[in-house]
Structure formats: structure tokens, C-alpha cells
Amino acid sequence: MEFRTIIEPFRIHSVAPLRMTTEAQRREAVQAAGYNLFSLHSDDVLIDLLTDSGTGAMSRDQWAAIQHGDESYAGSPSFGIFKDAVQNLFPFKHIIPTHQGRAAEKIIFTVLGGSDKTIPSNTHFDTTRANIEYTGASAEDLVIAEGRDPASQHPFKGNMDVARLDAFLTEHKGHVPAVFITITNNSGGGQPVSLANLRETSALCKKHGVPLFLDACRFAENAWFIREREAGQQNRDVADIVREMASLADGMTMSAKKDPMGNIGGWLALNDDEMAEQCRNLLILTEGFPTYGGLAGRDLEALAQGLKEVVDHDYLRYRIRSTAYLGEALIRSGVPVMQPIGGHAVYLDARALLPHIAPLQYPGQALAVALYEAGGIRGCEIGTVMFGRHPDGSETPAAMDLVRLAIPRRTYTQSHIDYVIEVCQHVAGKAKELRGLRIAYEPKQLRHFTARFDPLA
């Protein structure tokens, strides 16, 4: 029998205290931080939904695996355990560990990039785009049209626009070293990619002789959506769906701080021997020896255990439903959000909620600051601050202005989420009072991490 209440498929073994703050204290803290939530001290945050990357709670068995880790510099048995766990789901020939996902991106784009190259994706995330552009290459987003419409109910809004990709590969023949596809599509609202779309994209890449890579950090959530939403997939085991997704690609990058349940870690995997040799050489130069890659043996073993836990159906059912619980409550309250609800986060549509704030006055940042001041909730702007500045120095509005409320894995309870709902409702009720921001300082790249803002009068 199905009941409405979503229960966590675990018991809480250890707890960390939250520091309760007043609105006055939060206003002072965010002003001192230049109205950039990345610059807040985490002790001043009540509910931290800035990211789900490395912020989850590890299991009892992961902590036990940490005690088992071997810290030999070369040839550690912990690497063998890690490699076997990765290849059980992603049977690529070469597994290259890194300290986190952006390190894998740095290595692969150093090999693939260059000023005459262009790399398409459904939607590149911030560090992916920055690592591509750092080499002089360009990054192109080719998500389907529904993926740029927050109100669209398309079940797989992360899909690659295959017709546009075909035309792109034809137009830029000889200048596309690889195609990337992000699962789930983080910049586009945590939306999944269908298995059918992956098959089409894979076939198209083979037709043009271009390798396909997965940016796969939320692979299990994507596989669960395939199982729930795609015809003919309902009775399949999630792990088998993951293996099929991997079989359609030639390589992958991974931030293991997401679905693999780690607090740190990542990897690069690929089949091409020559490319793997170039990547390993860069790994030794920038990360460490190929059997640890910037990680301790204990981290490798914790990730190996996390890979077993993340494909558990009871966990994934809880994970996806508990995220939807937040999104559905906001929809009922009239708060505009990206629909359908994604797997790891709920994305508030700041542009729809704050139509009086122009995109170049950063409605996403204004909304994120208001949520923090009102209730101590730290979210993340995914919009014009993050994606509006271009390598040539120009600035244009992003396709959407969103605020991501990313839910750490196994960290918050239903009462925490009920509190988030109340705060969002409160802020939405006074939306007309909110004002935009101007940038007082910004770095040349990845400005959203360290920029400072001033509120407009």
C-alpha cells in the first residue's frame, strides 16, 4: 500500500548543530559578503542549499570503508577497489581518478581544446564552459527548445537537439574534438536526458566520427527518471540503465561529490589508448600518481561504497520524491519553478517572479539574497551572473534566470524542507518590493564565485 508520507530509507546516526540567526544578523552578514552567498561563512547559514556537491552525509558503510583505505603512493589496493566499482557501472577501459570533477575537465580539455576547436553539449555547466574557454576553444549549448522554457512539461528537457547537433557537426567539420552531454542537465534545471536521445546522439557522433563524452555526475538520478518516464524502461534495474548509458559513450567526466556520495573526488574515463596516455601524463603533472590522482586511499574506498548505494531503488525513490515534495508545494503556492521538478534541486524562476527586475540587474541574485535574509536559506543563482559574461568581455542576459535550491543527499529532514517552503512563500509574497543589484567587482572568469554586488536604490 502506498502512503503519502515520504520516509527516509535510513536512520540518523550522527548530527551536527545548526546556528540559529536573526534576520538582522543575516542582513549584516550578507552585506559584509558583498551580497554574494558564496562569500558567506557557513556558520551564518541555516539551511544550506547552495550545492549538492560534496555536501551529503556519508553512510555507516562509507565511514567503515574509510578506515579500510590504504595510503600507499603507488599501487594501493584501494585503487583496485575503486576501479572495480567504477567499471561495474561504467565499463570504460581507462579509469583515471582526480580530486574532483573540474580537475577531470581541466585534463581532458587540455588534450582536446585549442583556439580552433568548438565543443557542443546539451548545456555546459560553469566549470566545464570555463575549462573549455580557457584553452581558447568555444563552448556551444544545443539543448532542445523545451529545455529553455521553465514552464514546459516535457519529461526529458535535458535532451540534446539532435537536428541542431547534426548541422553543427557538419558546419564545424574537423574542429569538433568531442561532443559532451550532461546527465542530468544541471544548468537547465536538473532535467534528465532520455535513453532514446542518448542513442540518437551516439549514432550521430559515430556518423561524424566524433567521440561522445558523458558529464555524468548525476547519472543515477538520470537513470531513475528514464525508468520512471520512458516507455519500455519501467521494469529495468537502474544499474543496467546506467551501463547502457555508458555503452553509448566513448568516455566520461565525473564529479564524485554528487551521485557517488563522496565529500571529495572525481574521475575521467575513456577507451582511447592514446588519449588516455596523454591524460595520465597531465594527471601526474597536476594531480598525482595514476593510482590515486589527488585522492587519499580512504576517499577512493568511500566512493566505491557510494557507487553501490546510489543505485539502490529505495534510495532513489526517496531522493526524487523528496525533491518533488519541495517543488510541488511551491507550485501549489503559486511560486514559479522549473517544471517538471528535477532530481537534485528545485529551480525557482526568478525572471517570472521578479519581472520588474531586468536580467542585467540580476533577478536571480536578488531572489537568492532575499531568501537568505528572510530565512537563512543559501541557494545559488543560475542565470545572468553565472552565464551572462562572455570571453570577449560583452554581457548579455542568460537564457533563463533561476535560483537553484540544491538538496544535499541524506542531510535534511522533511521539517527542514517544510521550513524552506515557508520561507519561499514569504519571499514570493513580497516579490514586488525586491530590487536588483549591480556588480561592484568581478574577476575575468567564473565571476559568480567571487563577485561583489551593491543593491540598486
Protein backbone atom coordinates (compact mmCIF):
# COMPACT_ATOMS: atom_id res chain seq x y z
CA MET A 1 0.00 0.00 0.00
CA GLU A 2 1.27 3.45 -0.95
CA PHE A 3 1.17 6.20 1.68
CA ARG A 4 1.69 9.93 1.09
CA THR A 5 4.45 10.43 3.64
CA ILE A 6 7.96 10.15 2.24
CA ILE A 7 10.20 8.43 4.76
CA GLU A 8 13.98 8.42 4.56
CA PRO A 9 15.34 4.90 3.89
CA PHE A 10 17.89 5.34 6.68
CA ARG A 11 18.23 6.28 10.35
CA ILE A 12 20.25 9.27 11.54
CA HIS A 13 23.47 8.10 13.17
CA SER A 14 25.21 11.43 13.85
CA VAL A 15 24.05 15.03 13.92
CA ALA A 16 25.63 18.48 13.52
CA PRO A 17 24.19 21.58 15.20
CA LEU A 18 22.65 24.49 13.30
CA ARG A 19 23.35 28.04 14.46
CA MET A 20 20.07 29.95 14.70
CA THR A 21 20.34 33.55 13.48
CA THR A 22 18.07 36.59 13.29
CA GLU A 23 17.14 38.47 10.12
CA ALA A 24 19.19 41.45 11.32
CA GLN A 25 22.26 39.25 11.75
CA ARG A 26 21.77 37.78 8.28
CA ARG A 27 21.39 41.21 6.67
CA GLU A 28 24.68 42.26 8.25
CA ALA A 29 26.40 39.04 7.16
CA VAL A 30 25.31 39.21 3.52
CA GLN A 31 26.21 42.89 3.27
CA ALA A 32 29.71 42.09 4.54
CA ALA A 33 29.88 39.32 1.94
CA GLY A 34 29.18 41.78 -0.88
CA TYR A 35 25.76 40.20 -1.44
CA ASN A 36 27.47 37.08 -2.76
CA LEU A 37 26.24 33.96 -0.97
CA PHE A 38 29.44 32.08 -1.85
CA SER A 39 31.28 34.53 0.42
CA LEU A 40 29.16 33.81 3.50
CA HIS A 41 30.60 31.88 6.41
CA SER A 42 28.71 28.59 6.53
CA ASP A 43 28.03 29.08 10.27
CA ASP A 44 25.81 32.00 9.26
CA VAL A 45 23.68 29.74 7.03
CA LEU A 46 20.68 27.90 8.46
CA ILE A 47 19.66 25.66 5.54
CA ASP A 48 22.47 25.33 3.01
CA LEU A 49 21.12 24.58 -0.47
CA LEU A 50 23.97 26.26 -2.32
CA THR A 51 25.01 22.94 -3.87
CA ASP A 52 24.60 19.19 -3.57
CA SER A 53 28.29 18.77 -4.44
CA GLY A 54 30.22 17.15 -1.60
CA THR A 55 27.66 18.27 0.98
CA GLY A 56 25.81 14.99 1.52
CA ALA A 57 26.01 12.67 4.53
CA MET A 58 28.09 9.55 4.08
CA SER A 59 26.75 6.22 5.29
CA ARG A 60 27.96 3.97 8.09
CA ASP A 61 29.48 1.65 5.48
CA GLN A 62 31.28 4.52 3.75
CA TRP A 63 32.86 5.55 7.05
CA ALA A 64 33.89 1.93 7.58
CA ALA A 65 35.45 1.93 4.09
CA ILE A 66 37.48 5.00 5.05
CA GLN A 67 39.06 3.00 7.87
CA HIS A 68 39.98 0.33 5.32
CA GLY A 69 41.75 2.75 2.96
CA ASP A 70 45.38 2.08 2.07
CA GLU A 71 47.58 5.15 1.59
CA SER A 72 50.38 3.64 -0.49
CA TYR A 73 51.66 6.18 -3.01
CA ALA A 74 51.65 3.71 -5.90
CA GLY A 75 49.68 0.52 -6.44
CA SER A 76 47.33 0.93 -3.48
CA PRO A 77 44.71 -1.85 -3.25
CA SER A 78 42.19 0.92 -2.59
CA PHE A 79 42.56 1.96 -6.24
CA GLY A 80 41.66 -1.55 -7.36
CA ILE A 81 38.51 -1.47 -5.23
CA PHE A 82 37.62 1.96 -6.64
CA LYS A 83 38.34 0.96 -10.25
CA ASP A 84 36.23 -2.21 -9.99
CA ALA A 85 33.30 -0.22 -8.58
CA VAL A 86 33.51 2.37 -11.37
CA GLN A 87 33.82 -0.22 -14.15
CA ASN A 88 30.90 -2.20 -12.75
CA LEU A 89 28.68 0.71 -13.84
CA PHE A 90 30.89 2.45 -16.43
CA PRO A 91 32.93 -0.25 -18.22
CA PHE A 92 35.41 2.09 -19.88
CA LYS A 93 38.92 0.79 -20.48
CA HIS A 94 40.84 3.53 -18.67
CA ILE A 95 39.81 4.93 -15.24
CA ILE A 96 41.78 8.00 -14.15
CA PRO A 97 40.99 9.31 -10.63
CA THR A 98 41.01 13.06 -9.94
CA HIS A 99 40.40 15.13 -6.82
CA GLN A 100 37.11 16.41 -8.25
CA GLY A 101 35.21 16.84 -11.50
CA ARG A 102 36.73 20.11 -12.66
CA ALA A 103 40.18 18.51 -12.50
CA ALA A 104 38.96 15.85 -14.94
CA GLU A 105 37.61 18.65 -17.14
CA LYS A 106 40.90 20.53 -16.99
CA ILE A 107 42.81 17.45 -18.11
CA ILE A 108 40.51 16.36 -20.95
CA PHE A 109 40.06 19.86 -22.38
CA THR A 110 43.81 20.50 -22.24
CA VAL A 111 44.09 17.47 -24.52
CA LEU A 112 41.06 18.23 -26.71
CA GLY A 113 40.85 22.04 -26.69
CA GLY A 114 42.55 24.84 -28.58
CA SER A 115 41.74 28.09 -30.33
CA ASP A 116 40.37 26.42 -33.46
CA LYS A 117 38.12 23.99 -31.57
CA THR A 118 34.46 24.09 -30.56
CA ILE A 119 32.75 21.66 -28.19
CA PRO A 120 28.94 21.26 -28.17
CA SER A 121 26.81 19.98 -25.32
CA ASN A 122 23.17 19.92 -24.31
CA THR A 123 24.21 22.56 -21.73
CA HIS A 124 27.72 23.06 -20.36
CA PHE A 125 27.92 23.82 -16.65
CA ASP A 126 30.03 26.70 -15.34
CA THR A 127 33.37 24.97 -14.73
CA THR A 128 33.01 22.92 -17.92
CA ARG A 129 32.50 26.03 -20.02
CA ALA A 130 35.33 27.84 -18.23
CA ASN A 131 37.79 24.98 -18.77
CA ILE A 132 36.87 24.82 -22.47
CA GLU A 133 37.21 28.57 -22.95
CA TYR A 134 40.50 28.67 -21.03
CA THR A 135 42.08 26.66 -23.87
CA GLY A 136 40.79 29.16 -26.44
CA ALA A 137 38.04 26.83 -27.65
CA SER A 138 34.36 27.78 -27.72
CA ALA A 139 31.52 26.01 -25.89
CA GLU A 140 28.11 25.66 -27.55
CA ASP A 141 24.79 24.71 -25.89
CA LEU A 142 22.38 22.71 -28.05
CA VAL A 143 19.60 21.70 -25.67
CA ILE A 144 16.10 21.21 -27.11
CA ALA A 145 13.83 24.27 -27.19
CA GLU A 146 11.71 22.94 -24.32
CA GLY A 147 14.83 22.95 -22.15
CA ARG A 148 14.90 26.75 -22.31
CA ASP A 149 11.25 27.09 -21.27
CA PRO A 150 10.79 26.80 -17.47
CA ALA A 151 7.05 26.11 -17.83
CA SER A 152 7.33 23.30 -20.40
CA GLN A 153 6.23 19.88 -19.14
CA HIS A 154 8.47 17.89 -21.49
CA PRO A 155 9.64 14.83 -19.49
CA PHE A 156 13.22 14.98 -20.83
CA LYS A 157 14.06 18.67 -21.11
CA GLY A 158 17.77 17.90 -20.89
CA ASN A 159 17.76 16.25 -24.32
CA MET A 160 20.26 17.22 -26.99
CA ASP A 161 18.72 18.91 -30.04
CA VAL A 162 19.89 16.22 -32.47
CA ALA A 163 18.99 18.15 -35.63
CA ARG A 164 20.97 21.18 -34.48
CA LEU A 165 23.89 18.94 -33.45
CA ASP A 166 23.92 17.29 -36.88
CA ALA A 167 24.05 20.69 -38.57
CA PHE A 168 26.70 21.90 -36.09
CA LEU A 169 28.97 18.90 -36.72
CA THR A 170 28.61 19.38 -40.46
CA GLU A 171 29.33 23.11 -40.30
CA HIS A 172 32.35 22.70 -37.99
CA LYS A 173 33.74 19.51 -39.50
CA GLY A 174 37.31 18.93 -38.37
CA HIS A 175 37.02 21.41 -35.49
CA VAL A 176 34.86 19.41 -33.04
CA PRO A 177 37.12 17.13 -30.96
CA ALA A 178 34.24 15.74 -28.87
CA VAL A 179 30.56 16.13 -28.01
CA PHE A 180 29.55 16.32 -24.34
CA ILE A 181 26.15 15.56 -22.87
CA THR A 182 25.36 16.38 -19.23
CA ILE A 183 23.18 13.94 -17.26
CA THR A 184 21.16 15.32 -15.64
CA ASN A 185 21.31 18.78 -17.24
CA ASN A 186 22.26 20.91 -14.24
CA SER A 187 22.30 24.35 -15.89
CA GLY A 188 18.94 23.59 -17.46
CA GLY A 189 17.14 22.85 -14.21
CA GLY A 190 18.37 19.38 -13.30
CA GLN A 191 16.41 17.93 -16.21
CA PRO A 192 17.07 14.38 -17.43
CA VAL A 193 18.17 13.07 -20.83
CA SER A 194 16.22 10.15 -22.30
CA LEU A 195 17.83 6.89 -23.33
CA ALA A 196 16.39 7.35 -26.82
CA ASN A 197 18.08 10.75 -27.09
CA LEU A 198 21.39 9.31 -25.90
CA ARG A 199 21.11 6.60 -28.56
CA GLU A 200 20.40 9.18 -31.27
CA THR A 201 23.25 11.40 -30.12
CA SER A 202 25.63 8.45 -30.01
CA ALA A 203 24.66 7.32 -33.51
CA LEU A 204 25.11 10.87 -34.83
CA CYS A 205 28.57 11.16 -33.25
CA LYS A 206 29.60 7.86 -34.84
CA LYS A 207 28.30 9.09 -38.22
CA HIS A 208 30.52 12.18 -37.96
CA GLY A 209 33.47 10.34 -36.42
CA VAL A 210 33.43 12.43 -33.22
CA PRO A 211 33.72 10.86 -29.73
CA LEU A 212 30.84 11.31 -27.27
CA PHE A 213 31.56 12.04 -23.60
CA LEU A 214 29.17 11.99 -20.66
CA ASP A 215 29.34 14.64 -17.95
CA ALA A 216 27.79 12.05 -15.68
CA CYS A 217 27.84 13.37 -12.12
CA ARG A 218 24.07 12.81 -11.60
CA PHE A 219 23.87 9.59 -13.60
CA ALA A 220 21.76 7.63 -11.09
CA GLU A 221 19.09 10.32 -10.88
CA ASN A 222 19.01 10.44 -14.69
CA ALA A 223 18.65 6.65 -14.87
CA TRP A 224 15.78 6.76 -12.36
CA PHE A 225 13.94 9.32 -14.49
CA ILE A 226 14.44 7.06 -17.52
CA ARG A 227 12.95 4.18 -15.53
CA GLU A 228 10.01 6.31 -14.39
CA ARG A 229 9.23 8.28 -17.55
CA GLU A 230 10.49 6.49 -20.67
CA ALA A 231 8.38 3.87 -22.42
CA GLY A 232 9.72 0.35 -22.10
CA GLN A 233 12.09 1.11 -19.23
CA GLN A 234 9.78 0.69 -16.22
CA ASN A 235 10.90 -2.78 -15.10
CA ARG A 236 14.64 -2.34 -15.59
CA ASP A 237 17.23 -2.20 -12.85
CA VAL A 238 18.79 1.25 -12.52
CA ALA A 239 22.31 -0.19 -12.66
CA ASP A 240 21.53 -1.80 -16.03
CA ILE A 241 20.24 1.51 -17.39
CA VAL A 242 23.45 3.18 -16.23
CA ARG A 243 25.53 0.56 -18.04
CA GLU A 244 23.59 1.12 -21.24
CA MET A 245 24.10 4.89 -20.96
CA ALA A 246 27.83 4.29 -20.57
CA SER A 247 27.92 1.89 -23.53
CA LEU A 248 26.70 4.70 -25.81
CA ALA A 249 29.68 6.94 -24.97
CA ASP A 250 33.42 6.91 -25.59
CA GLY A 251 34.34 8.47 -22.26
CA MET A 252 33.13 10.46 -19.29
CA THR A 253 33.99 13.06 -16.69
CA MET A 254 32.69 12.70 -13.16
CA SER A 255 32.38 14.83 -10.09
CA ALA A 256 32.07 12.10 -7.49
CA LYS A 257 30.82 14.69 -4.99
CA LYS A 258 27.32 14.23 -6.42
CA ASP A 259 25.72 10.84 -7.08
CA PRO A 260 28.73 8.74 -5.96
CA MET A 261 28.08 10.14 -2.47
CA GLY A 262 31.56 11.47 -1.78
CA ASN A 263 32.68 14.61 0.02
CA ILE A 264 35.53 14.85 -2.49
CA GLY A 265 36.67 13.06 -5.63
CA GLY A 266 36.10 12.50 -9.31
CA TRP A 267 37.42 10.68 -12.33
CA LEU A 268 38.00 10.73 -16.05
CA ALA A 269 37.24 7.55 -18.00
CA LEU A 270 37.79 6.75 -21.66
CA ASN A 271 38.50 3.98 -24.13
CA ASP A 272 41.05 5.57 -26.47
CA ASP A 273 44.58 4.38 -25.55
CA GLU A 274 46.48 7.35 -26.97
CA MET A 275 44.17 9.92 -25.40
CA ALA A 276 44.36 8.07 -22.07
CA GLU A 277 48.18 8.22 -22.15
CA GLN A 278 48.11 11.99 -22.71
CA CYS A 279 45.60 12.40 -19.88
CA ARG A 280 47.64 10.27 -17.46
CA ASN A 281 50.73 12.36 -18.18
CA LEU A 282 48.78 15.50 -17.31
CA LEU A 283 47.37 13.77 -14.24
CA ILE A 284 50.87 13.09 -12.92
CA LEU A 285 51.82 16.70 -13.61
CA THR A 286 48.77 18.29 -11.94
CA GLU A 287 47.05 15.75 -9.64
CA GLY A 288 49.16 12.79 -8.60
CA PHE A 289 50.10 9.23 -9.47
CA PRO A 290 47.56 7.32 -11.64
CA THR A 291 46.50 5.07 -8.75
CA TYR A 292 45.39 7.92 -6.51
CA GLY A 293 45.02 11.03 -8.67
CA GLY A 294 44.84 13.63 -5.92
CA LEU A 295 42.79 11.46 -3.55
CA ALA A 296 43.63 9.52 -0.42
CA GLY A 297 43.08 5.77 -0.50
CA ARG A 298 40.33 6.20 2.07
CA ASP A 299 38.45 8.55 -0.29
CA LEU A 300 38.70 6.02 -3.12
CA GLU A 301 37.14 3.33 -0.94
CA ALA A 302 34.35 5.62 0.30
CA LEU A 303 33.46 6.38 -3.31
CA ALA A 304 33.46 2.69 -4.21
CA GLN A 305 30.89 2.07 -1.47
CA GLY A 306 28.89 5.14 -2.52
CA LEU A 307 28.59 3.78 -6.05
CA LYS A 308 26.89 0.70 -4.64
CA GLU A 309 24.47 2.71 -2.52
CA VAL A 310 23.41 5.29 -5.11
CA VAL A 311 21.79 2.77 -7.49
CA ASP A 312 19.59 1.34 -4.72
CA HIS A 313 15.95 1.77 -5.77
CA ASP A 314 14.69 2.62 -2.28
CA TYR A 315 17.25 5.42 -2.02
CA LEU A 316 16.48 6.83 -5.46
CA ARG A 317 12.73 6.70 -4.91
CA TYR A 318 13.18 8.71 -1.70
CA ARG A 319 15.66 11.10 -3.32
CA ILE A 320 13.47 12.01 -6.29
CA ARG A 321 10.20 12.15 -4.33
CA SER A 322 11.62 14.31 -1.54
CA THR A 323 12.88 16.84 -4.10
CA ALA A 324 9.48 16.80 -5.81
CA TYR A 325 7.83 17.37 -2.42
CA LEU A 326 9.50 20.79 -2.24
CA GLY A 327 8.76 21.69 -5.84
CA GLU A 328 5.13 20.60 -5.76
CA ALA A 329 4.46 22.60 -2.59
CA LEU A 330 5.86 25.74 -4.23
CA ILE A 331 3.81 25.18 -7.38
CA ARG A 332 0.64 24.89 -5.27
CA SER A 333 1.60 28.20 -3.63
CA GLY A 334 1.94 29.92 -7.00
CA VAL A 335 5.72 30.25 -6.83
CA PRO A 336 7.11 29.84 -10.38
CA VAL A 337 9.60 26.98 -10.66
CA MET A 338 11.25 24.99 -13.43
CA GLN A 339 8.96 22.08 -14.34
CA PRO A 340 8.94 19.12 -14.23
CA ILE A 341 10.87 19.02 -10.96
CA GLY A 342 14.43 17.78 -11.41
CA GLY A 343 16.29 15.23 -9.34
CA HIS A 344 18.79 17.09 -7.18
CA ALA A 345 17.27 20.55 -6.89
CA VAL A 346 14.27 22.80 -7.29
CA TYR A 347 14.91 25.80 -9.56
CA LEU A 348 12.94 28.96 -8.82
CA ASP A 349 12.12 31.01 -11.93
CA ALA A 350 13.41 34.39 -10.78
CA ARG A 351 12.66 36.10 -14.08
CA ALA A 352 8.98 35.13 -13.82
CA LEU A 353 8.71 36.02 -10.12
CA LEU A 354 10.53 39.36 -10.49
CA PRO A 355 9.52 40.72 -13.92
CA HIS A 356 10.24 44.26 -12.71
CA ILE A 357 13.96 43.46 -12.37
CA ALA A 358 15.77 43.46 -15.73
CA PRO A 359 18.04 40.46 -16.45
CA LEU A 360 21.15 42.69 -16.34
CA GLN A 361 20.09 43.74 -12.84
CA TYR A 362 20.35 40.06 -11.87
CA PRO A 363 16.91 38.94 -10.64
CA GLY A 364 18.30 35.52 -9.69
CA GLN A 365 20.90 37.04 -7.40
CA ALA A 366 18.31 39.39 -5.91
CA LEU A 367 16.00 36.48 -5.13
CA ALA A 368 18.80 34.37 -3.67
CA VAL A 369 19.82 37.22 -1.36
CA ALA A 370 16.20 37.74 -0.27
CA LEU A 371 15.81 34.05 0.64
CA TYR A 372 18.95 34.24 2.78
CA GLU A 373 17.96 37.44 4.54
CA ALA A 374 14.43 36.20 5.25
CA GLY A 375 15.19 32.68 6.44
CA GLY A 376 18.89 31.87 6.32
CA ILE A 377 18.49 29.71 3.20
CA ARG A 378 21.51 29.74 0.88
CA GLY A 379 20.70 28.96 -2.74
CA CYS A 380 22.64 29.53 -5.96
CA GLU A 381 21.96 31.86 -8.88
CA ILE A 382 21.94 30.01 -12.20
CA GLY A 383 21.44 32.80 -14.69
CA THR A 384 22.92 36.03 -15.96
CA VAL A 385 25.52 36.36 -13.20
CA MET A 386 26.80 32.84 -13.91
CA PHE A 387 26.48 32.81 -17.71
CA GLY A 388 25.99 36.39 -18.90
CA ARG A 389 29.65 37.43 -19.26
CA HIS A 390 31.41 36.26 -22.44
CA PRO A 391 35.13 35.76 -23.21
CA ASP A 392 35.19 38.91 -25.36
CA GLY A 393 34.06 40.98 -22.36
CA SER A 394 30.49 41.54 -23.53
CA GLU A 395 27.47 40.78 -21.37
CA THR A 396 24.02 39.56 -22.42
CA PRO A 397 21.12 38.04 -20.46
CA ALA A 398 21.30 34.28 -19.93
CA ALA A 399 18.60 32.07 -21.43
CA MET A 400 16.94 31.87 -18.00
CA ASP A 401 17.40 33.45 -14.57
CA LEU A 402 16.96 30.73 -11.98
CA VAL A 403 17.74 30.17 -8.32
CA ARG A 404 18.79 26.60 -7.61
CA LEU A 405 17.85 25.09 -4.27
CA ALA A 406 20.13 22.05 -4.37
CA ILE A 407 19.32 19.41 -1.78
CA PRO A 408 22.32 17.64 -0.22
CA ARG A 409 21.97 13.86 -0.13
CA ARG A 410 20.72 12.34 3.15
CA THR A 411 21.29 15.59 5.05
CA TYR A 412 18.00 17.40 5.74
CA THR A 413 14.69 16.08 7.05
CA GLN A 414 11.15 16.84 5.95
CA SER A 415 10.76 19.53 8.62
CA HIS A 416 13.77 21.35 7.17
CA ILE A 417 12.12 21.27 3.74
CA ASP A 418 8.81 22.45 5.20
CA TYR A 419 10.70 25.44 6.59
CA VAL A 420 12.21 26.14 3.15
CA ILE A 421 8.69 26.11 1.69
CA GLU A 422 7.51 28.67 4.23
CA VAL A 423 10.44 30.99 3.56
CA CYS A 424 9.96 30.79 -0.22
CA GLN A 425 6.26 31.58 0.19
CA HIS A 426 7.09 34.55 2.41
CA VAL A 427 9.63 35.99 -0.04
CA ALA A 428 7.32 35.42 -3.02
CA GLY A 429 4.60 37.35 -1.18
CA LYS A 430 6.77 40.47 -1.12
CA ALA A 431 8.37 39.96 -4.55
CA LYS A 432 7.36 43.43 -5.79
CA GLU A 433 9.47 45.01 -3.03
CA LEU A 434 12.70 43.35 -4.17
CA ARG A 435 15.24 45.37 -6.15
CA GLY A 436 18.05 44.41 -8.46
CA LEU A 437 21.82 44.56 -7.98
CA ARG A 438 24.83 45.91 -9.80
CA ILE A 439 28.25 44.30 -9.87
CA ALA A 440 30.84 46.27 -7.90
CA TYR A 441 33.69 43.83 -8.59
CA GLU A 442 34.09 40.79 -10.81
CA PRO A 443 37.01 38.55 -11.87
CA LYS A 444 37.61 37.70 -15.52
CA GLN A 445 36.37 34.11 -15.23
CA LEU A 446 33.75 32.30 -13.15
CA ARG A 447 32.66 35.63 -11.70
CA HIS A 448 29.75 34.23 -9.71
CA PHE A 449 32.11 32.67 -7.17
CA THR A 450 33.82 35.86 -6.03
CA ALA A 451 31.97 38.89 -7.47
CA ARG A 452 30.69 41.56 -5.13
CA PHE A 453 27.41 43.40 -5.57
CA ASP A 454 25.70 46.58 -4.48
CA PRO A 455 21.91 46.79 -4.20
CA LEU A 456 20.21 49.26 -6.53
CA ALA A 457 18.25 52.10 -4.99
